[in-house]
Amino acid sequence: MQATKELCLFCRIISGDIPARKMFEGDDVIAFEDINPQAPTHILVIPREHIASLAEVNDRNKHVIANVIARAAEIARALHLEEEGFRLVNNCGEAAGQTVFHIHFHLLGGRPFKWPPG
């Protein structure tokens, strides 16, 4: 079941109702540490705008995703993740493992990753 903006966990983190260890906070993007890290570095990078999933991206909001990805790349460089490599992951829909229905990207680094991922 997809959360509405009012009930969305990430919208509540954005508003400050729920605390998070923020790595970056800008006008349209925030990034914070994942509470269940899957790698030594595991940061969630999300837009402030509530978009439930990648399936909802369209011509009106595609710039939001471009900003999120650009910010993820900046954070990876600031953490020197590009030296060994990093992974940026988006899960779209329950079958793909999406558990919070506010579009987000997992920035993972600090260990080797295998392919295929899942």
PDB file of N, CA and C in Angstrom:
ATOM      1  N   MET A   1       0.837  -1.185   0.000  1.00  0.00           N
ATOM      2  CA  MET A   1       0.000   0.000   0.000  1.00  0.00           C
ATOM      3  C   MET A   1       0.879   1.243   0.000  1.00  0.00           C
ATOM      4  N   GLN A   2       0.608   2.151  -0.900  1.00  0.00           N
ATOM      5  CA  GLN A   2       1.419   3.358  -1.004  1.00  0.00           C
ATOM      6  C   GLN A   2       0.930   4.417  -0.021  1.00  0.00           C
ATOM      7  N   ALA A   3       1.892   5.056   0.639  1.00  0.00           N
ATOM      8  CA  ALA A   3       1.568   6.080   1.631  1.00  0.00           C
ATOM      9  C   ALA A   3       1.225   7.393   0.945  1.00  0.00           C
ATOM     10  N   THR A   4       0.315   8.124   1.538  1.00  0.00           N
ATOM     11  CA  THR A   4       0.047   9.473   1.063  1.00  0.00           C
ATOM     12  C   THR A   4       1.119  10.394   1.634  1.00  0.00           C
ATOM     13  N   LYS A   5       1.218  11.570   1.079  1.00  0.00           N
ATOM     14  CA  LYS A   5       2.219  12.531   1.538  1.00  0.00           C
ATOM     15  C   LYS A   5       2.104  12.779   3.045  1.00  0.00           C
ATOM     16  N   GLU A   6       0.905  12.862   3.573  1.00  0.00           N
ATOM     17  CA  GLU A   6       0.701  13.167   4.983  1.00  0.00           C
ATOM     18  C   GLU A   6       1.229  12.063   5.902  1.00  0.00           C
ATOM     19  N   LEU A   7       1.195  10.824   5.450  1.00  0.00           N
ATOM     20  CA  LEU A   7       1.610   9.696   6.268  1.00  0.00           C
ATOM     21  C   LEU A   7       3.003   9.180   5.910  1.00  0.00           C
ATOM     22  N   CYS A   8       3.597   9.728   4.877  1.00  0.00           N
ATOM     23  CA  CYS A   8       4.855   9.231   4.346  1.00  0.00           C
ATOM     24  C   CYS A   8       5.997   9.421   5.347  1.00  0.00           C
ATOM     25  N   LEU A   9       6.715   8.345   5.618  1.00  0.00           N
ATOM     26  CA  LEU A   9       7.857   8.380   6.533  1.00  0.00           C
ATOM     27  C   LEU A   9       8.885   9.425   6.111  1.00  0.00           C
ATOM     28  N   PHE A  10       9.228   9.460   4.824  1.00  0.00           N
ATOM     29  CA  PHE A  10      10.255  10.403   4.371  1.00  0.00           C
ATOM     30  C   PHE A  10       9.757  11.841   4.404  1.00  0.00           C
ATOM     31  N   CYS A  11       8.486  12.071   4.134  1.00  0.00           N
ATOM     32  CA  CYS A  11       7.939  13.430   4.267  1.00  0.00           C
ATOM     33  C   CYS A  11       8.020  13.888   5.724  1.00  0.00           C
ATOM     34  N   ARG A  12       7.837  12.948   6.651  1.00  0.00           N
ATOM     35  CA  ARG A  12       7.927  13.289   8.070  1.00  0.00           C
ATOM     36  C   ARG A  12       9.384  13.564   8.470  1.00  0.00           C
ATOM     37  N   ILE A  13      10.332  12.881   7.851  1.00  0.00           N
ATOM     38  CA  ILE A  13      11.749  13.192   8.091  1.00  0.00           C
ATOM     39  C   ILE A  13      12.065  14.573   7.522  1.00  0.00           C
ATOM     40  N   ILE A  14      11.588  14.858   6.321  1.00  0.00           N
ATOM     41  CA  ILE A  14      11.813  16.165   5.693  1.00  0.00           C
ATOM     42  C   ILE A  14      11.268  17.283   6.578  1.00  0.00           C
ATOM     43  N   SER A  15      10.088  17.091   7.143  1.00  0.00           N
ATOM     44  CA  SER A  15       9.463  18.135   7.967  1.00  0.00           C
ATOM     45  C   SER A  15      10.113  18.258   9.342  1.00  0.00           C
ATOM     46  N   GLY A  16      10.919  17.271   9.733  1.00  0.00           N
ATOM     47  CA  GLY A  16      11.561  17.298  11.040  1.00  0.00           C
ATOM     48  C   GLY A  16      10.768  16.577  12.118  1.00  0.00           C
ATOM     49  N   ASP A  17       9.616  16.008  11.757  1.00  0.00           N
ATOM     50  CA  ASP A  17       8.816  15.266  12.734  1.00  0.00           C
ATOM     51  C   ASP A  17       9.519  13.996  13.211  1.00  0.00           C
ATOM     52  N   ILE A  18      10.333  13.419  12.337  1.00  0.00           N
ATOM     53  CA  ILE A  18      11.109  12.222  12.676  1.00  0.00           C
ATOM     54  C   ILE A  18      12.577  12.573  12.498  1.00  0.00           C
ATOM     55  N   PRO A  19      13.405  12.304  13.503  1.00  0.00           N
ATOM     56  CA  PRO A  19      14.832  12.639  13.371  1.00  0.00           C
ATOM     57  C   PRO A  19      15.553  11.704  12.408  1.00  0.00           C
ATOM     58  N   ALA A  20      16.591  12.221  11.798  1.00  0.00           N
ATOM     59  CA  ALA A  20      17.448  11.437  10.911  1.00  0.00           C
ATOM     60  C   ALA A  20      18.849  12.032  10.967  1.00  0.00           C
ATOM     61  N   ARG A  21      19.841  11.208  10.704  1.00  0.00           N
ATOM     62  CA  ARG A  21      21.230  11.684  10.646  1.00  0.00           C
ATOM     63  C   ARG A  21      21.480  12.204   9.243  1.00  0.00           C
ATOM     64  N   LYS A  22      21.212  13.498   9.054  1.00  0.00           N
ATOM     65  CA  LYS A  22      21.285  14.107   7.728  1.00  0.00           C
ATOM     66  C   LYS A  22      22.732  14.353   7.321  1.00  0.00           C
ATOM     67  N   MET A  23      23.012  14.010   6.073  1.00  0.00           N
ATOM     68  CA  MET A  23      24.324  14.229   5.469  1.00  0.00           C
ATOM     69  C   MET A  23      24.312  15.500   4.625  1.00  0.00           C
ATOM     70  N   PHE A  24      23.135  15.847   4.113  1.00  0.00           N
ATOM     71  CA  PHE A  24      22.966  17.018   3.264  1.00  0.00           C
ATOM     72  C   PHE A  24      21.521  17.460   3.356  1.00  0.00           C
ATOM     73  N   GLU A  25      21.325  18.773   3.335  1.00  0.00           N
ATOM     74  CA  GLU A  25      19.971  19.317   3.287  1.00  0.00           C
ATOM     75  C   GLU A  25      19.997  20.560   2.420  1.00  0.00           C
ATOM     76  N   GLY A  26      19.288  20.500   1.301  1.00  0.00           N
ATOM     77  CA  GLY A  26      19.205  21.621   0.378  1.00  0.00           C
ATOM     78  C   GLY A  26      17.763  22.002   0.132  1.00  0.00           C
ATOM     79  N   ASP A  27      17.568  22.925  -0.799  1.00  0.00           N
ATOM     80  CA  ASP A  27      16.224  23.416  -1.098  1.00  0.00           C
ATOM     81  C   ASP A  27      15.305  22.336  -1.664  1.00  0.00           C
ATOM     82  N   ASP A  28      15.874  21.413  -2.448  1.00  0.00           N
ATOM     83  CA  ASP A  28      15.013  20.428  -3.099  1.00  0.00           C
ATOM     84  C   ASP A  28      15.418  18.974  -2.868  1.00  0.00           C
ATOM     85  N   VAL A  29      16.536  18.756  -2.175  1.00  0.00           N
ATOM     86  CA  VAL A  29      17.039  17.404  -1.937  1.00  0.00           C
ATOM     87  C   VAL A  29      17.563  17.312  -0.512  1.00  0.00           C
ATOM     88  N   ILE A  30      17.333  16.175   0.136  1.00  0.00           N
ATOM     89  CA  ILE A  30      18.011  15.891   1.396  1.00  0.00           C
ATOM     90  C   ILE A  30      18.618  14.496   1.309  1.00  0.00           C
ATOM     91  N   ALA A  31      19.633  14.263   2.125  1.00  0.00           N
ATOM     92  CA  ALA A  31      20.282  12.955   2.184  1.00  0.00           C
ATOM     93  C   ALA A  31      20.540  12.625   3.640  1.00  0.00           C
ATOM     94  N   PHE A  32      20.303  11.379   3.998  1.00  0.00           N
ATOM     95  CA  PHE A  32      20.493  10.963   5.389  1.00  0.00           C
ATOM     96  C   PHE A  32      20.915   9.503   5.430  1.00  0.00           C
ATOM     97  N   GLU A  33      21.520   9.117   6.543  1.00  0.00           N
ATOM     98  CA  GLU A  33      21.998   7.752   6.708  1.00  0.00           C
ATOM     99  C   GLU A  33      20.819   6.788   6.828  1.00  0.00           C
ATOM    100  N   ASP A  34      20.948   5.642   6.181  1.00  0.00           N
ATOM    101  CA  ASP A  34      19.933   4.594   6.288  1.00  0.00           C
ATOM    102  C   ASP A  34      20.020   3.969   7.679  1.00  0.00           C
ATOM    103  N   ILE A  35      18.881   3.704   8.304  1.00  0.00           N
ATOM    104  CA  ILE A  35      18.901   3.126   9.660  1.00  0.00           C
ATOM    105  C   ILE A  35      19.212   1.632   9.643  1.00  0.00           C
ATOM    106  N   ASN A  36      19.185   1.013   8.464  1.00  0.00           N
ATOM    107  CA  ASN A  36      19.519  -0.405   8.320  1.00  0.00           C
ATOM    108  C   ASN A  36      20.549  -0.538   7.191  1.00  0.00           C
ATOM    109  N   PRO A  37      21.777  -0.063   7.434  1.00  0.00           N
ATOM    110  CA  PRO A  37      22.762   0.001   6.342  1.00  0.00           C
ATOM    111  C   PRO A  37      23.128  -1.358   5.773  1.00  0.00           C
ATOM    112  N   GLN A  38      23.247  -1.385   4.443  1.00  0.00           N
ATOM    113  CA  GLN A  38      23.629  -2.592   3.714  1.00  0.00           C
ATOM    114  C   GLN A  38      25.066  -2.522   3.219  1.00  0.00           C
ATOM    115  N   ALA A  39      25.771  -1.477   3.573  1.00  0.00           N
ATOM    116  CA  ALA A  39      27.173  -1.276   3.199  1.00  0.00           C
ATOM    117  C   ALA A  39      27.763  -0.301   4.212  1.00  0.00           C
ATOM    118  N   PRO A  40      29.091  -0.224   4.296  1.00  0.00           N
ATOM    119  CA  PRO A  40      29.698   0.735   5.226  1.00  0.00           C
ATOM    120  C   PRO A  40      29.190   2.170   5.026  1.00  0.00           C
ATOM    121  N   THR A  41      28.970   2.550   3.769  1.00  0.00           N
ATOM    122  CA  THR A  41      28.301   3.818   3.473  1.00  0.00           C
ATOM    123  C   THR A  41      26.952   3.486   2.862  1.00  0.00           C
ATOM    124  N   HIS A  42      25.881   3.948   3.483  1.00  0.00           N
ATOM    125  CA  HIS A  42      24.530   3.721   2.956  1.00  0.00           C
ATOM    126  C   HIS A  42      23.712   4.964   3.281  1.00  0.00           C
ATOM    127  N   ILE A  43      23.541   5.793   2.272  1.00  0.00           N
ATOM    128  CA  ILE A  43      22.850   7.072   2.413  1.00  0.00           C
ATOM    129  C   ILE A  43      21.637   7.079   1.494  1.00  0.00           C
ATOM    130  N   LEU A  44      20.521   7.551   2.015  1.00  0.00           N
ATOM    131  CA  LEU A  44      19.324   7.725   1.201  1.00  0.00           C
ATOM    132  C   LEU A  44      19.293   9.160   0.696  1.00  0.00           C
ATOM    133  N   VAL A  45      19.095   9.313  -0.596  1.00  0.00           N
ATOM    134  CA  VAL A  45      19.035  10.630  -1.229  1.00  0.00           C
ATOM    135  C   VAL A  45      17.634  10.767  -1.793  1.00  0.00           C
ATOM    136  N   ILE A  46      16.911  11.797  -1.332  1.00  0.00           N
ATOM    137  CA  ILE A  46      15.494  11.924  -1.680  1.00  0.00           C
ATOM    138  C   ILE A  46      15.148  13.356  -2.058  1.00  0.00           C
ATOM    139  N   PRO A  47      14.140  13.516  -2.909  1.00  0.00           N
ATOM    140  CA  PRO A  47      13.650  14.869  -3.175  1.00  0.00           C
ATOM    141  C   PRO A  47      12.703  15.312  -2.062  1.00  0.00           C
ATOM    142  N   ARG A  48      12.622  16.599  -1.844  1.00  0.00           N
ATOM    143  CA  ARG A  48      11.625  17.117  -0.896  1.00  0.00           C
ATOM    144  C   ARG A  48      10.215  16.917  -1.450  1.00  0.00           C
ATOM    145  N   GLU A  49      10.087  16.992  -2.770  1.00  0.00           N
ATOM    146  CA  GLU A  49       8.782  16.790  -3.394  1.00  0.00           C
ATOM    147  C   GLU A  49       8.371  15.334  -3.255  1.00  0.00           C
ATOM    148  N   HIS A  50       7.145  15.096  -2.830  1.00  0.00           N
ATOM    149  CA  HIS A  50       6.655  13.727  -2.690  1.00  0.00           C
ATOM    150  C   HIS A  50       6.283  13.184  -4.064  1.00  0.00           C
ATOM    151  N   ILE A  51       7.059  12.211  -4.503  1.00  0.00           N
ATOM    152  CA  ILE A  51       6.768  11.416  -5.687  1.00  0.00           C
ATOM    153  C   ILE A  51       6.846   9.977  -5.186  1.00  0.00           C
ATOM    154  N   ALA A  52       5.791   9.213  -5.339  1.00  0.00           N
ATOM    155  CA  ALA A  52       5.731   7.890  -4.711  1.00  0.00           C
ATOM    156  C   ALA A  52       6.783   6.921  -5.233  1.00  0.00           C
ATOM    157  N   SER A  53       7.027   6.911  -6.533  1.00  0.00           N
ATOM    158  CA  SER A  53       7.991   5.967  -7.090  1.00  0.00           C
ATOM    159  C   SER A  53       8.492   6.464  -8.435  1.00  0.00           C
ATOM    160  N   LEU A  54       9.493   5.767  -8.945  1.00  0.00           N
ATOM    161  CA  LEU A  54      10.046   6.105 -10.254  1.00  0.00           C
ATOM    162  C   LEU A  54       8.981   5.984 -11.341  1.00  0.00           C
ATOM    163  N   ALA A  55       7.999   5.131 -11.109  1.00  0.00           N
ATOM    164  CA  ALA A  55       6.912   4.961 -12.079  1.00  0.00           C
ATOM    165  C   ALA A  55       6.068   6.228 -12.236  1.00  0.00           C
ATOM    166  N   GLU A  56       6.156   7.164 -11.290  1.00  0.00           N
ATOM    167  CA  GLU A  56       5.381   8.406 -11.357  1.00  0.00           C
ATOM    168  C   GLU A  56       6.156   9.574 -11.951  1.00  0.00           C
ATOM    169  N   VAL A  57       7.403   9.342 -12.361  1.00  0.00           N
ATOM    170  CA  VAL A  57       8.192  10.426 -12.952  1.00  0.00           C
ATOM    171  C   VAL A  57       7.657  10.717 -14.348  1.00  0.00           C
ATOM    172  N   ASN A  58       7.512  12.018 -14.647  1.00  0.00           N
ATOM    173  CA  ASN A  58       6.980  12.441 -15.936  1.00  0.00           C
ATOM    174  C   ASN A  58       7.656  13.739 -16.367  1.00  0.00           C
ATOM    175  N   ASP A  59       7.203  14.332 -17.460  1.00  0.00           N
ATOM    176  CA  ASP A  59       7.811  15.560 -17.960  1.00  0.00           C
ATOM    177  C   ASP A  59       7.736  16.705 -16.956  1.00  0.00           C
ATOM    178  N   ARG A  60       6.698  16.727 -16.120  1.00  0.00           N
ATOM    179  CA  ARG A  60       6.532  17.800 -15.152  1.00  0.00           C
ATOM    180  C   ARG A  60       7.558  17.725 -14.023  1.00  0.00           C
ATOM    181  N   ASN A  61       7.941  16.504 -13.620  1.00  0.00           N
ATOM    182  CA  ASN A  61       8.806  16.379 -12.441  1.00  0.00           C
ATOM    183  C   ASN A  61      10.163  15.728 -12.715  1.00  0.00           C
ATOM    184  N   LYS A  62      10.504  15.478 -13.968  1.00  0.00           N
ATOM    185  CA  LYS A  62      11.758  14.781 -14.266  1.00  0.00           C
ATOM    186  C   LYS A  62      12.981  15.559 -13.794  1.00  0.00           C
ATOM    187  N   HIS A  63      12.881  16.877 -13.708  1.00  0.00           N
ATOM    188  CA  HIS A  63      14.005  17.681 -13.213  1.00  0.00           C
ATOM    189  C   HIS A  63      14.320  17.360 -11.749  1.00  0.00           C
ATOM    190  N   VAL A  64      13.305  16.941 -10.998  1.00  0.00           N
ATOM    191  CA  VAL A  64      13.496  16.583  -9.590  1.00  0.00           C
ATOM    192  C   VAL A  64      14.470  15.415  -9.488  1.00  0.00           C
ATOM    193  N   ILE A  65      14.289  14.420 -10.343  1.00  0.00           N
ATOM    194  CA  ILE A  65      15.143  13.233 -10.310  1.00  0.00           C
ATOM    195  C   ILE A  65      16.555  13.589 -10.765  1.00  0.00           C
ATOM    196  N   ALA A  66      16.677  14.435 -11.754  1.00  0.00           N
ATOM    197  CA  ALA A  66      18.010  14.881 -12.191  1.00  0.00           C
ATOM    198  C   ALA A  66      18.747  15.555 -11.039  1.00  0.00           C
ATOM    199  N   ASN A  67      18.057  16.362 -10.261  1.00  0.00           N
ATOM    200  CA  ASN A  67      18.680  17.026  -9.105  1.00  0.00           C
ATOM    201  C   ASN A  67      19.102  16.027  -8.036  1.00  0.00           C
ATOM    202  N   VAL A  68      18.275  15.016  -7.793  1.00  0.00           N
ATOM    203  CA  VAL A  68      18.597  13.995  -6.795  1.00  0.00           C
ATOM    204  C   VAL A  68      19.859  13.233  -7.217  1.00  0.00           C
ATOM    205  N   ILE A  69      19.921  12.840  -8.474  1.00  0.00           N
ATOM    206  CA  ILE A  69      21.080  12.077  -8.954  1.00  0.00           C
ATOM    207  C   ILE A  69      22.335  12.930  -8.942  1.00  0.00           C
ATOM    208  N   ALA A  70      22.218  14.180  -9.345  1.00  0.00           N
ATOM    209  CA  ALA A  70      23.381  15.076  -9.303  1.00  0.00           C
ATOM    210  C   ALA A  70      23.877  15.263  -7.871  1.00  0.00           C
ATOM    211  N   ARG A  71      22.971  15.402  -6.935  1.00  0.00           N
ATOM    212  CA  ARG A  71      23.358  15.558  -5.526  1.00  0.00           C
ATOM    213  C   ARG A  71      23.995  14.271  -5.011  1.00  0.00           C
ATOM    214  N   ALA A  72      23.482  13.115  -5.405  1.00  0.00           N
ATOM    215  CA  ALA A  72      24.078  11.839  -4.999  1.00  0.00           C
ATOM    216  C   ALA A  72      25.518  11.746  -5.488  1.00  0.00           C
ATOM    217  N   ALA A  73      25.761  12.171  -6.710  1.00  0.00           N
ATOM    218  CA  ALA A  73      27.130  12.155  -7.247  1.00  0.00           C
ATOM    219  C   ALA A  73      28.036  13.092  -6.455  1.00  0.00           C
ATOM    220  N   GLU A  74      27.538  14.263  -6.085  1.00  0.00           N
ATOM    221  CA  GLU A  74      28.327  15.204  -5.273  1.00  0.00           C
ATOM    222  C   GLU A  74      28.658  14.606  -3.907  1.00  0.00           C
ATOM    223  N   ILE A  75      27.687  13.958  -3.293  1.00  0.00           N
ATOM    224  CA  ILE A  75      27.916  13.339  -1.980  1.00  0.00           C
ATOM    225  C   ILE A  75      28.943  12.220  -2.112  1.00  0.00           C
ATOM    226  N   ALA A  76      28.826  11.404  -3.157  1.00  0.00           N
ATOM    227  CA  ALA A  76      29.794  10.320  -3.378  1.00  0.00           C
ATOM    228  C   ALA A  76      31.207  10.870  -3.528  1.00  0.00           C
ATOM    229  N   ARG A  77      31.342  11.963  -4.275  1.00  0.00           N
ATOM    230  CA  ARG A  77      32.676  12.580  -4.424  1.00  0.00           C
ATOM    231  C   ARG A  77      33.174  13.137  -3.099  1.00  0.00           C
ATOM    232  N   ALA A  78      32.299  13.779  -2.340  1.00  0.00           N
ATOM    233  CA  ALA A  78      32.701  14.348  -1.049  1.00  0.00           C
ATOM    234  C   ALA A  78      33.167  13.267  -0.082  1.00  0.00           C
ATOM    235  N   LEU A  79      32.597  12.061  -0.201  1.00  0.00           N
ATOM    236  CA  LEU A  79      32.975  10.941   0.652  1.00  0.00           C
ATOM    237  C   LEU A  79      34.089  10.087   0.028  1.00  0.00           C
ATOM    238  N   HIS A  80      34.577  10.523  -1.131  1.00  0.00           N
ATOM    239  CA  HIS A  80      35.651   9.832  -1.862  1.00  0.00           C
ATOM    240  C   HIS A  80      35.259   8.418  -2.278  1.00  0.00           C
ATOM    241  N   LEU A  81      33.972   8.208  -2.510  1.00  0.00           N
ATOM    242  CA  LEU A  81      33.501   6.893  -2.924  1.00  0.00           C
ATOM    243  C   LEU A  81      33.878   6.574  -4.363  1.00  0.00           C
ATOM    244  N   GLU A  82      34.109   7.594  -5.177  1.00  0.00           N
ATOM    245  CA  GLU A  82      34.427   7.355  -6.586  1.00  0.00           C
ATOM    246  C   GLU A  82      35.775   6.659  -6.749  1.00  0.00           C
ATOM    247  N   GLU A  83      36.624   6.724  -5.731  1.00  0.00           N
ATOM    248  CA  GLU A  83      37.939   6.095  -5.821  1.00  0.00           C
ATOM    249  C   GLU A  83      37.826   4.579  -5.947  1.00  0.00           C
ATOM    250  N   GLU A  84      36.958   3.946  -5.193  1.00  0.00           N
ATOM    251  CA  GLU A  84      36.779   2.496  -5.232  1.00  0.00           C
ATOM    252  C   GLU A  84      35.490   2.103  -5.957  1.00  0.00           C
ATOM    253  N   GLY A  85      34.597   3.052  -6.122  1.00  0.00           N
ATOM    254  CA  GLY A  85      33.325   2.774  -6.773  1.00  0.00           C
ATOM    255  C   GLY A  85      32.179   2.821  -5.783  1.00  0.00           C
ATOM    256  N   PHE A  86      31.001   3.060  -6.306  1.00  0.00           N
ATOM    257  CA  PHE A  86      29.797   3.103  -5.487  1.00  0.00           C
ATOM    258  C   PHE A  86      28.621   2.657  -6.330  1.00  0.00           C
ATOM    259  N   ARG A  87      27.525   2.420  -5.683  1.00  0.00           N
ATOM    260  CA  ARG A  87      26.301   2.009  -6.367  1.00  0.00           C
ATOM    261  C   ARG A  87      25.186   2.962  -5.971  1.00  0.00           C
ATOM    262  N   LEU A  88      24.365   3.344  -6.951  1.00  0.00           N
ATOM    263  CA  LEU A  88      23.179   4.151  -6.712  1.00  0.00           C
ATOM    264  C   LEU A  88      21.985   3.305  -7.152  1.00  0.00           C
ATOM    265  N   VAL A  89      21.087   3.009  -6.204  1.00  0.00           N
ATOM    266  CA  VAL A  89      20.002   2.057  -6.441  1.00  0.00           C
ATOM    267  C   VAL A  89      18.651   2.712  -6.188  1.00  0.00           C
ATOM    268  N   ASN A  90      17.693   2.382  -7.061  1.00  0.00           N
ATOM    269  CA  ASN A  90      16.301   2.755  -6.839  1.00  0.00           C
ATOM    270  C   ASN A  90      15.454   1.506  -6.972  1.00  0.00           C
ATOM    271  N   ASN A  91      14.619   1.258  -5.986  1.00  0.00           N
ATOM    272  CA  ASN A  91      13.664   0.149  -6.040  1.00  0.00           C
ATOM    273  C   ASN A  91      12.306   0.740  -6.386  1.00  0.00           C
ATOM    274  N   CYS A  92      11.676   0.221  -7.424  1.00  0.00           N
ATOM    275  CA  CYS A  92      10.397   0.760  -7.883  1.00  0.00           C
ATOM    276  C   CYS A  92       9.314  -0.295  -7.743  1.00  0.00           C
ATOM    277  N   GLY A  93       8.474  -0.132  -6.729  1.00  0.00           N
ATOM    278  CA  GLY A  93       7.373  -1.048  -6.490  1.00  0.00           C
ATOM    279  C   GLY A  93       7.720  -2.116  -5.472  1.00  0.00           C
ATOM    280  N   GLU A  94       6.695  -2.681  -4.873  1.00  0.00           N
ATOM    281  CA  GLU A  94       6.882  -3.678  -3.818  1.00  0.00           C
ATOM    282  C   GLU A  94       7.684  -4.886  -4.284  1.00  0.00           C
ATOM    283  N   ALA A  95       7.419  -5.383  -5.487  1.00  0.00           N
ATOM    284  CA  ALA A  95       8.121  -6.566  -5.986  1.00  0.00           C
ATOM    285  C   ALA A  95       9.614  -6.301  -6.158  1.00  0.00           C
ATOM    286  N   ALA A  96       9.994  -5.051  -6.338  1.00  0.00           N
ATOM    287  CA  ALA A  96      11.407  -4.687  -6.487  1.00  0.00           C
ATOM    288  C   ALA A  96      12.060  -4.355  -5.149  1.00  0.00           C
ATOM    289  N   GLY A  97      11.280  -4.391  -4.068  1.00  0.00           N
ATOM    290  CA  GLY A  97      11.830  -4.136  -2.745  1.00  0.00           C
ATOM    291  C   GLY A  97      11.577  -2.749  -2.198  1.00  0.00           C
ATOM    292  N   GLN A  98      10.752  -1.937  -2.867  1.00  0.00           N
ATOM    293  CA  GLN A  98      10.452  -0.606  -2.344  1.00  0.00           C
ATOM    294  C   GLN A  98       9.549  -0.748  -1.132  1.00  0.00           C
ATOM    295  N   THR A  99       9.971  -0.188  -0.003  1.00  0.00           N
ATOM    296  CA  THR A  99       9.172  -0.268   1.228  1.00  0.00           C
ATOM    297  C   THR A  99       8.650   1.090   1.679  1.00  0.00           C
ATOM    298  N   VAL A 100       9.285   2.169   1.242  1.00  0.00           N
ATOM    299  CA  VAL A 100       8.799   3.519   1.526  1.00  0.00           C
ATOM    300  C   VAL A 100       8.423   4.132   0.185  1.00  0.00           C
ATOM    301  N   PHE A 101       7.164   4.534   0.055  1.00  0.00           N
ATOM    302  CA  PHE A 101       6.681   5.040  -1.227  1.00  0.00           C
ATOM    303  C   PHE A 101       6.812   6.553  -1.326  1.00  0.00           C
ATOM    304  N   HIS A 102       8.066   6.962  -1.286  1.00  0.00           N
ATOM    305  CA  HIS A 102       8.544   8.318  -1.582  1.00  0.00           C
ATOM    306  C   HIS A 102       9.843   8.027  -2.317  1.00  0.00           C
ATOM    307  N   ILE A 103       9.916   8.433  -3.563  1.00  0.00           N
ATOM    308  CA  ILE A 103      11.072   8.047  -4.382  1.00  0.00           C
ATOM    309  C   ILE A 103      12.368   8.356  -3.647  1.00  0.00           C
ATOM    310  N   HIS A 104      13.287   7.411  -3.689  1.00  0.00           N
ATOM    311  CA  HIS A 104      14.571   7.581  -3.017  1.00  0.00           C
ATOM    312  C   HIS A 104      15.619   6.704  -3.688  1.00  0.00           C
ATOM    313  N   PHE A 105      16.842   7.128  -3.535  1.00  0.00           N
ATOM    314  CA  PHE A 105      17.973   6.409  -4.095  1.00  0.00           C
ATOM    315  C   PHE A 105      18.916   6.042  -2.959  1.00  0.00           C
ATOM    316  N   HIS A 106      19.391   4.811  -2.993  1.00  0.00           N
ATOM    317  CA  HIS A 106      20.353   4.321  -2.014  1.00  0.00           C
ATOM    318  C   HIS A 106      21.748   4.548  -2.583  1.00  0.00           C
ATOM    319  N   LEU A 107      22.546   5.337  -1.907  1.00  0.00           N
ATOM    320  CA  LEU A 107      23.948   5.542  -2.267  1.00  0.00           C
ATOM    321  C   LEU A 107      24.762   4.598  -1.384  1.00  0.00           C
ATOM    322  N   LEU A 108      25.364   3.592  -2.018  1.00  0.00           N
ATOM    323  CA  LEU A 108      26.074   2.536  -1.302  1.00  0.00           C
ATOM    324  C   LEU A 108      27.545   2.525  -1.688  1.00  0.00           C
ATOM    325  N   GLY A 109      28.415   2.372  -0.709  1.00  0.00           N
ATOM    326  CA  GLY A 109      29.838   2.286  -0.991  1.00  0.00           C
ATOM    327  C   GLY A 109      30.596   1.698   0.173  1.00  0.00           C
ATOM    328  N   GLY A 110      31.889   1.515  -0.037  1.00  0.00           N
ATOM    329  CA  GLY A 110      32.745   1.036   1.028  1.00  0.00           C
ATOM    330  C   GLY A 110      32.943  -0.459   1.067  1.00  0.00           C
ATOM    331  N   ARG A 111      32.404  -1.172   0.065  1.00  0.00           N
ATOM    332  CA  ARG A 111      32.620  -2.617  -0.037  1.00  0.00           C
ATOM    333  C   ARG A 111      32.400  -3.031  -1.484  1.00  0.00           C
ATOM    334  N   PRO A 112      32.920  -4.211  -1.876  1.00  0.00           N
ATOM    335  CA  PRO A 112      32.646  -4.701  -3.241  1.00  0.00           C
ATOM    336  C   PRO A 112      31.182  -5.111  -3.381  1.00  0.00           C
ATOM    337  N   PHE A 113      30.636  -4.926  -4.556  1.00  0.00           N
ATOM    338  CA  PHE A 113      29.267  -5.334  -4.856  1.00  0.00           C
ATOM    339  C   PHE A 113      29.291  -6.394  -5.940  1.00  0.00           C
ATOM    340  N   LYS A 114      28.308  -7.279  -5.918  1.00  0.00           N
ATOM    341  CA  LYS A 114      28.219  -8.353  -6.903  1.00  0.00           C
ATOM    342  C   LYS A 114      27.141  -8.038  -7.925  1.00  0.00           C
ATOM    343  N   TRP A 115      27.196  -8.737  -9.045  1.00  0.00           N
ATOM    344  CA  TRP A 115      26.184  -8.617 -10.074  1.00  0.00           C
ATOM    345  C   TRP A 115      25.767 -10.007 -10.496  1.00  0.00           C
ATOM    346  N   PRO A 116      24.516 -10.308 -10.660  1.00  0.00           N
ATOM    347  CA  PRO A 116      23.370  -9.414 -10.473  1.00  0.00           C
ATOM    348  C   PRO A 116      23.107  -9.134  -8.998  1.00  0.00           C
ATOM    349  N   PRO A 117      22.462  -7.999  -8.723  1.00  0.00           N
ATOM    350  CA  PRO A 117      22.318  -7.551  -7.343  1.00  0.00           C
ATOM    351  C   PRO A 117      21.312  -8.318  -6.496  1.00  0.00           C
ATOM    352  N   GLY A 118      20.297  -8.949  -7.062  1.00  0.00           N
ATOM    353  CA  GLY A 118      19.283  -9.413  -6.168  1.00  0.00           C
ATOM    354  C   GLY A 118      18.817 -10.795  -6.274  1.00  0.00           C
TER     355      GLY A 118
END
